[in-house]
N, C-alpha and C. Protein backbone atom coordinates (compact mmCIF):
# COMPACT_ATOMS: atom_id res chain seq x y z
N MET A 1 0.84 -1.34 0.02
CA MET A 1 -0.27 -0.02 0.35
C MET A 1 1.21 0.87 0.18
N ASP A 2 0.67 2.15 -0.74
CA ASP A 2 1.09 3.58 -0.72
C ASP A 2 1.28 4.72 -0.11
N PHE A 3 1.91 5.43 0.35
CA PHE A 3 1.38 6.54 1.17
C PHE A 3 0.32 7.10 0.78
N LEU A 4 -0.16 7.74 -0.12
CA LEU A 4 -1.23 8.27 -0.09
C LEU A 4 -2.58 7.22 0.07
N SER A 5 -2.64 6.25 -0.45
CA SER A 5 -3.54 5.31 0.17
C SER A 5 -3.83 5.21 1.42
N LYS A 6 -2.96 5.13 2.20
CA LYS A 6 -2.57 4.88 3.53
C LYS A 6 -3.54 6.39 3.95
N ILE A 7 -3.75 7.32 3.34
CA ILE A 7 -4.76 8.18 3.99
C ILE A 7 -5.37 8.99 3.71
N PHE A 8 -6.00 8.59 2.14
CA PHE A 8 -7.28 8.61 1.64
C PHE A 8 -7.42 7.40 0.97
N SER A 9 -8.53 6.97 0.65
CA SER A 9 -9.23 6.34 -0.26
C SER A 9 -9.11 6.82 -1.34
N LYS A 10 -8.86 6.31 -2.63
CA LYS A 10 -9.47 6.55 -3.89
C LYS A 10 -9.80 5.71 -4.89
N THR A 11 -10.52 6.27 -5.79
CA THR A 11 -11.48 5.37 -6.72
C THR A 11 -10.73 5.69 -8.13
N SER A 12 -10.57 4.86 -8.79
CA SER A 12 -10.23 4.58 -10.26
C SER A 12 -10.16 5.93 -11.16
N ASN A 13 -11.48 6.73 -10.85
CA ASN A 13 -11.36 8.26 -11.36
C ASN A 13 -11.11 9.58 -11.06
N ASP A 14 -10.39 8.60 -9.73
CA ASP A 14 -9.68 10.39 -9.08
C ASP A 14 -8.78 10.85 -10.02
N ASN A 15 -7.38 11.94 -10.26
CA ASN A 15 -6.84 11.75 -10.72
C ASN A 15 -5.87 12.89 -9.61
N SER A 16 -4.26 13.18 -9.42
CA SER A 16 -3.16 13.67 -8.87
C SER A 16 -3.54 14.86 -8.24
N ASP A 17 -4.71 15.78 -8.85
CA ASP A 17 -4.96 16.57 -8.19
C ASP A 17 -5.80 16.32 -6.99
N SER A 18 -6.85 15.45 -7.03
CA SER A 18 -7.47 15.75 -6.30
C SER A 18 -6.52 14.93 -4.81
N TYR A 19 -5.77 14.16 -5.01
CA TYR A 19 -4.51 13.85 -3.95
C TYR A 19 -3.73 15.11 -3.48
N GLY A 20 -3.94 15.74 -4.35
CA GLY A 20 -2.68 17.47 -3.62
C GLY A 20 -3.91 17.88 -2.98
N GLN A 21 -5.30 17.90 -3.50
CA GLN A 21 -6.34 18.80 -2.93
C GLN A 21 -6.78 17.94 -1.30
N ALA A 22 -6.46 17.06 -1.25
CA ALA A 22 -6.88 15.96 -0.32
C ALA A 22 -5.77 16.39 0.75
N LEU A 23 -4.49 16.28 0.48
CA LEU A 23 -3.32 16.36 1.48
C LEU A 23 -3.66 17.78 2.01
N LEU A 24 -3.35 18.91 0.98
CA LEU A 24 -3.65 20.24 1.50
C LEU A 24 -4.75 20.36 2.71
N ARG A 25 -6.15 19.47 2.71
CA ARG A 25 -6.62 19.91 3.07
C ARG A 25 -6.33 19.11 4.72
N HIS A 26 -5.96 18.01 4.70
CA HIS A 26 -5.13 17.17 5.87
C HIS A 26 -4.25 17.73 6.61
N GLU A 27 -2.96 18.75 5.82
CA GLU A 27 -2.27 19.38 6.83
C GLU A 27 -3.34 20.84 7.34
N ALA A 28 -3.95 21.37 6.57
CA ALA A 28 -4.57 22.71 7.08
C ALA A 28 -5.45 22.32 8.26
N LYS A 29 -5.50 20.39 8.45
CA LYS A 29 -6.70 20.23 10.02
C LYS A 29 -5.81 20.58 10.73
N ILE A 30 -4.13 20.00 10.20
CA ILE A 30 -3.23 19.43 11.38
C ILE A 30 -3.05 21.35 11.83
N GLY A 31 -2.70 21.99 11.00
CA GLY A 31 -2.50 23.53 11.33
C GLY A 31 -3.38 24.31 12.02
N GLY A 32 -4.52 23.90 11.53
CA GLY A 32 -5.75 24.38 12.33
C GLY A 32 -5.50 24.04 14.15
N GLN A 33 -4.94 22.70 14.35
CA GLN A 33 -5.17 22.59 15.79
C GLN A 33 -3.24 22.94 16.83
N LEU A 34 -2.75 23.82 16.26
CA LEU A 34 -1.97 24.69 16.54
C LEU A 34 -2.48 25.50 17.37
N PHE A 35 -3.37 26.06 17.63
CA PHE A 35 -3.32 26.98 18.41
C PHE A 35 -4.58 27.11 19.65
N GLY A 36 -4.61 25.23 19.96
CA GLY A 36 -5.59 25.15 21.03
C GLY A 36 -6.57 24.74 20.71
N LYS A 37 -7.65 24.26 21.54
CA LYS A 37 -8.88 23.38 21.09
C LYS A 37 -9.36 23.96 19.90
N ILE A 38 -10.62 23.77 19.37
CA ILE A 38 -11.17 23.92 18.48
C ILE A 38 -12.78 24.19 18.70
N PRO A 39 -13.30 25.09 19.09
CA PRO A 39 -15.16 25.26 19.59
C PRO A 39 -15.50 24.39 18.54
N LYS A 40 -16.63 23.82 19.46
CA LYS A 40 -17.46 23.03 18.46
C LYS A 40 -18.39 23.80 17.56
N GLY A 41 -18.44 23.94 16.46
CA GLY A 41 -18.99 24.50 15.01
C GLY A 41 -17.97 25.53 14.53
N HIS A 42 -16.97 25.29 15.10
CA HIS A 42 -15.72 25.93 14.12
C HIS A 42 -14.97 25.26 13.37
N LEU A 43 -14.76 25.87 12.00
CA LEU A 43 -13.70 25.22 10.80
C LEU A 43 -12.12 26.09 11.19
N ARG A 44 -11.34 25.97 11.42
CA ARG A 44 -10.00 26.14 11.33
C ARG A 44 -8.67 25.63 11.05
N GLN A 45 -8.09 26.40 9.75
CA GLN A 45 -7.44 25.49 9.38
C GLN A 45 -5.89 26.82 9.23
N PHE A 46 -5.14 26.33 8.99
CA PHE A 46 -3.56 26.83 8.99
C PHE A 46 -2.93 26.39 8.30
N PHE A 47 -2.33 26.14 7.05
CA PHE A 47 -1.44 25.58 6.15
C PHE A 47 -0.50 26.52 5.14
N CYS A 48 0.26 26.07 4.34
CA CYS A 48 1.28 26.43 3.18
C CYS A 48 0.44 26.36 2.03
N LEU A 49 0.36 27.34 1.55
CA LEU A 49 -0.60 27.04 -0.09
C LEU A 49 0.71 27.09 -0.96
N ASP A 50 1.60 27.35 -0.97
CA ASP A 50 2.94 27.39 -1.86
C ASP A 50 4.06 27.76 -1.21
N GLU A 51 5.15 27.80 -1.86
CA GLU A 51 6.33 28.36 -1.02
C GLU A 51 6.76 29.15 -0.87
N ASN A 52 5.44 30.31 -1.38
CA ASN A 52 6.04 32.12 -0.41
C ASN A 52 4.29 32.06 -0.41
N THR A 53 3.43 31.29 0.12
CA THR A 53 2.04 31.86 1.16
C THR A 53 1.71 30.84 1.75
N TRP A 54 1.30 31.36 3.20
CA TRP A 54 0.87 31.21 4.20
C TRP A 54 -0.76 31.20 4.35
N VAL A 55 -1.84 30.72 4.60
CA VAL A 55 -3.21 30.94 5.29
C VAL A 55 -3.59 30.66 6.36
N TRP A 56 -4.33 31.47 6.86
CA TRP A 56 -4.73 31.25 8.11
C TRP A 56 -6.48 31.07 7.93
N HIS A 57 -7.71 30.25 7.95
CA HIS A 57 -8.56 30.40 7.90
C HIS A 57 -9.70 29.90 8.52
N GLU A 58 -10.71 30.67 9.23
CA GLU A 58 -11.69 30.74 10.69
C GLU A 58 -13.27 30.70 9.48
N GLU A 59 -13.99 29.55 9.77
CA GLU A 59 -15.23 29.99 9.96
C GLU A 59 -15.89 29.78 11.11
N TRP A 60 -17.37 30.52 11.67
CA TRP A 60 -17.96 29.87 12.87
C TRP A 60 -19.27 30.55 12.57
N ILE A 61 -20.29 30.83 13.64
CA ILE A 61 -21.50 30.72 13.81
C ILE A 61 -21.21 32.06 14.79
N ASP A 62 -21.96 33.13 14.66
CA ASP A 62 -22.03 34.26 15.80
C ASP A 62 -23.40 34.42 15.46
N ASN A 63 -24.19 34.46 16.61
CA ASN A 63 -25.95 34.46 16.72
C ASN A 63 -26.46 34.63 15.23
N GLY A 64 -26.14 33.22 15.11
CA GLY A 64 -27.05 32.74 13.96
C GLY A 64 -26.48 33.02 12.43
N GLN A 65 -25.11 33.72 12.54
CA GLN A 65 -24.80 34.11 11.28
C GLN A 65 -23.61 33.55 11.11
N LYS A 66 -22.88 33.35 9.81
CA LYS A 66 -21.79 32.24 9.56
C LYS A 66 -20.82 33.56 9.42
N LYS A 67 -19.84 33.40 9.86
CA LYS A 67 -18.73 34.57 9.84
C LYS A 67 -17.54 33.56 9.46
N VAL A 68 -17.06 34.25 8.46
CA VAL A 68 -15.51 33.95 8.06
C VAL A 68 -14.37 34.79 8.14
N MET A 69 -13.13 34.66 8.59
CA MET A 69 -12.01 35.09 8.44
C MET A 69 -10.61 34.66 7.62
N THR A 70 -10.19 35.20 6.32
CA THR A 70 -8.83 34.57 6.21
C THR A 70 -7.79 35.44 6.07
N THR A 71 -6.75 35.07 6.67
CA THR A 71 -4.98 36.12 6.69
C THR A 71 -4.51 35.51 5.88
N ARG A 72 -3.79 35.92 5.15
CA ARG A 72 -2.75 35.47 4.09
C ARG A 72 -1.55 35.69 4.12
N TYR A 73 -0.36 35.27 4.37
CA TYR A 73 1.00 36.00 4.69
C TYR A 73 1.69 35.62 3.68
N ASP A 74 2.05 36.46 2.71
CA ASP A 74 3.15 36.30 1.46
C ASP A 74 4.43 36.32 2.02
N VAL A 75 5.30 35.61 1.95
CA VAL A 75 6.58 35.70 2.33
C VAL A 75 7.33 36.77 1.00
N ARG A 76 8.02 37.49 1.41
CA ARG A 76 9.31 38.21 0.08
C ARG A 76 10.27 38.19 0.60
N PRO A 77 11.12 38.68 -0.26
CA PRO A 77 12.37 38.85 0.05
C PRO A 77 12.70 40.12 1.30
N TYR A 78 11.77 41.08 1.09
CA TYR A 78 12.15 41.87 2.40
C TYR A 78 11.64 41.91 3.62
N GLY A 79 10.36 40.86 3.47
CA GLY A 79 9.33 40.68 4.85
C GLY A 79 8.64 39.92 4.31
N VAL A 80 7.41 39.68 5.25
CA VAL A 80 6.59 39.45 4.76
C VAL A 80 5.00 40.42 4.96
N ILE A 81 4.46 39.85 4.09
CA ILE A 81 2.76 40.91 3.93
C ILE A 81 2.02 40.37 4.22
N LYS A 82 0.99 41.00 5.34
CA LYS A 82 -0.15 40.43 5.49
C LYS A 82 -1.43 40.93 5.20
N SER A 83 -2.63 40.02 5.05
CA SER A 83 -3.46 40.67 4.26
C SER A 83 -5.08 39.97 4.78
N GLN A 84 -5.88 40.69 5.48
CA GLN A 84 -7.11 39.61 5.65
C GLN A 84 -8.33 39.86 5.05
N ASP A 85 -9.17 39.07 4.89
CA ASP A 85 -9.95 39.16 4.27
C ASP A 85 -10.30 39.85 2.70
N GLY A 86 -9.34 40.08 2.01
CA GLY A 86 -8.95 40.73 1.01
C GLY A 86 -8.71 41.90 0.91
N LYS A 87 -8.19 42.63 1.98
CA LYS A 87 -8.18 43.82 2.24
C LYS A 87 -6.65 44.60 2.34
N ALA A 88 -5.98 45.48 2.37
CA ALA A 88 -5.03 46.07 1.87
C ALA A 88 -3.77 45.46 2.61
N HIS A 89 -2.86 45.18 2.02
CA HIS A 89 -1.66 44.46 2.39
C HIS A 89 -0.79 45.32 3.49
N ARG A 90 -0.09 44.53 4.57
CA ARG A 90 0.37 45.63 5.39
C ARG A 90 1.83 44.56 5.72
N LYS A 91 2.96 45.02 6.08
CA LYS A 91 4.25 44.46 6.69
C LYS A 91 3.96 44.42 7.96
N LEU A 92 4.15 42.63 8.25
CA LEU A 92 4.35 42.18 9.74
C LEU A 92 5.44 43.26 10.50
N SER A 93 4.82 43.30 11.88
CA SER A 93 5.57 43.89 12.85
C SER A 93 6.48 42.78 13.42
N ARG A 94 7.44 42.75 14.10
CA ARG A 94 8.49 41.85 13.94
C ARG A 94 8.43 41.23 14.80
N ASN A 95 7.17 41.60 15.75
CA ASN A 95 6.27 40.19 16.78
C ASN A 95 5.74 39.66 16.11
N GLU A 96 4.58 40.08 15.05
CA GLU A 96 3.82 39.08 14.43
C GLU A 96 4.90 38.41 13.50
N ALA A 97 6.00 38.72 12.92
CA ALA A 97 6.68 37.93 12.18
C ALA A 97 7.22 36.51 13.11
N SER A 98 7.82 36.80 14.03
CA SER A 98 8.08 35.97 15.07
C SER A 98 6.99 35.08 15.67
N ASN A 99 6.07 35.10 15.76
CA ASN A 99 4.82 34.61 15.71
C ASN A 99 4.44 33.40 14.84
N LEU A 100 4.42 34.17 13.71
CA LEU A 100 4.43 33.39 12.32
C LEU A 100 5.57 32.36 12.38
N TYR A 101 6.47 32.89 12.72
CA TYR A 101 8.05 31.53 12.57
C TYR A 101 7.48 30.50 13.33
N ARG A 102 7.31 31.09 14.27
CA ARG A 102 7.07 29.65 15.57
C ARG A 102 6.03 29.02 15.01
N ALA A 103 5.21 29.39 14.07
CA ALA A 103 3.62 28.20 13.87
C ALA A 103 4.21 27.64 12.91
N VAL A 104 5.15 28.34 11.87
CA VAL A 104 5.57 27.60 10.90
C VAL A 104 6.36 26.17 11.11
N ASP A 105 7.01 26.78 12.25
CA ASP A 105 7.99 25.44 12.41
C ASP A 105 7.42 24.56 12.91
N GLN A 106 6.11 25.20 13.65
CA GLN A 106 5.27 24.00 14.57
C GLN A 106 4.62 23.04 13.57
N TYR A 107 3.80 23.87 12.91
CA TYR A 107 3.16 22.99 11.75
C TYR A 107 4.08 22.07 11.36
N ALA A 108 5.34 22.41 10.66
CA ALA A 108 6.10 21.67 10.02
C ALA A 108 6.37 20.46 10.70
N ASP A 109 6.92 20.56 11.99
CA ASP A 109 6.93 19.20 12.70
C ASP A 109 5.85 18.54 12.90
N ARG A 110 4.62 18.71 13.47
CA ARG A 110 3.52 17.97 13.27
C ARG A 110 3.37 17.79 11.98
N VAL A 111 3.22 18.25 10.94
CA VAL A 111 2.88 17.44 9.89
C VAL A 111 3.76 16.27 9.56
N GLU A 112 5.09 16.80 9.57
CA GLU A 112 6.13 15.48 9.53
C GLU A 112 5.75 14.47 10.52
N ALA A 113 5.52 14.62 11.86
CA ALA A 113 5.19 13.56 12.77
C ALA A 113 3.77 12.66 11.92
N GLU A 114 3.18 13.48 11.42
CA GLU A 114 2.06 12.45 11.22
C GLU A 114 1.95 11.74 9.56
N TYR A 115 2.51 12.29 9.10
CA TYR A 115 3.41 11.55 7.85
C TYR A 115 4.49 10.14 8.29
N GLN A 116 4.99 10.12 9.23
CA GLN A 116 5.79 9.50 10.20
C GLN A 116 5.21 8.30 10.39
N ARG A 117 3.98 8.71 11.02
CA ARG A 117 3.45 7.69 11.90
C ARG A 117 2.61 7.24 11.14
N ILE A 118 2.15 7.50 9.56
CA ILE A 118 0.94 7.06 8.82
C ILE A 118 2.08 6.05 8.13
N LEU A 119 3.33 6.16 7.76
CA LEU A 119 4.01 5.59 7.11
C LEU A 119 4.57 4.41 7.58
N GLN A 120 4.57 4.00 8.95
CA GLN A 120 5.15 3.54 9.71
C GLN A 120 3.78 2.17 10.69
N ALA A 121 2.12 3.13 10.25
CA ALA A 121 1.26 1.74 10.89
C ALA A 121 1.45 0.79 9.77
N PRO A 122 0.77 -0.32 10.34
CA PRO A 122 0.90 -1.42 9.63
C PRO A 122 -0.43 -1.04 8.28
N ALA A 123 -0.16 -1.90 7.25
CA ALA A 123 -0.83 -1.84 6.04
C ALA A 123 -2.03 -2.41 6.24
């Protein structure tokens, strides 16, 4: 049994894009757990979209209304640029950049540990 089959069931008409999307969703779920318990009814995700982009996404219900917040971090040669919900971009403060760095480091450790656990599990 290959690595991906251990994580996801796959039908014969699926393609490699669906594997990529499934891996991204799996890693986003792991990342969402970095910052404590996720309240019931909340969706929280933190993930690496590509080599220069990190995303923090949350959805929840507040007084019967669905709320959504998405924060995008774009890593650039001169610093990290942040935008929330598509609004104006701004450079991260030193403290915010430090917090993001720690989150990315923890994310990498947890995702790798999860994949190692899966690879070592009996088929």
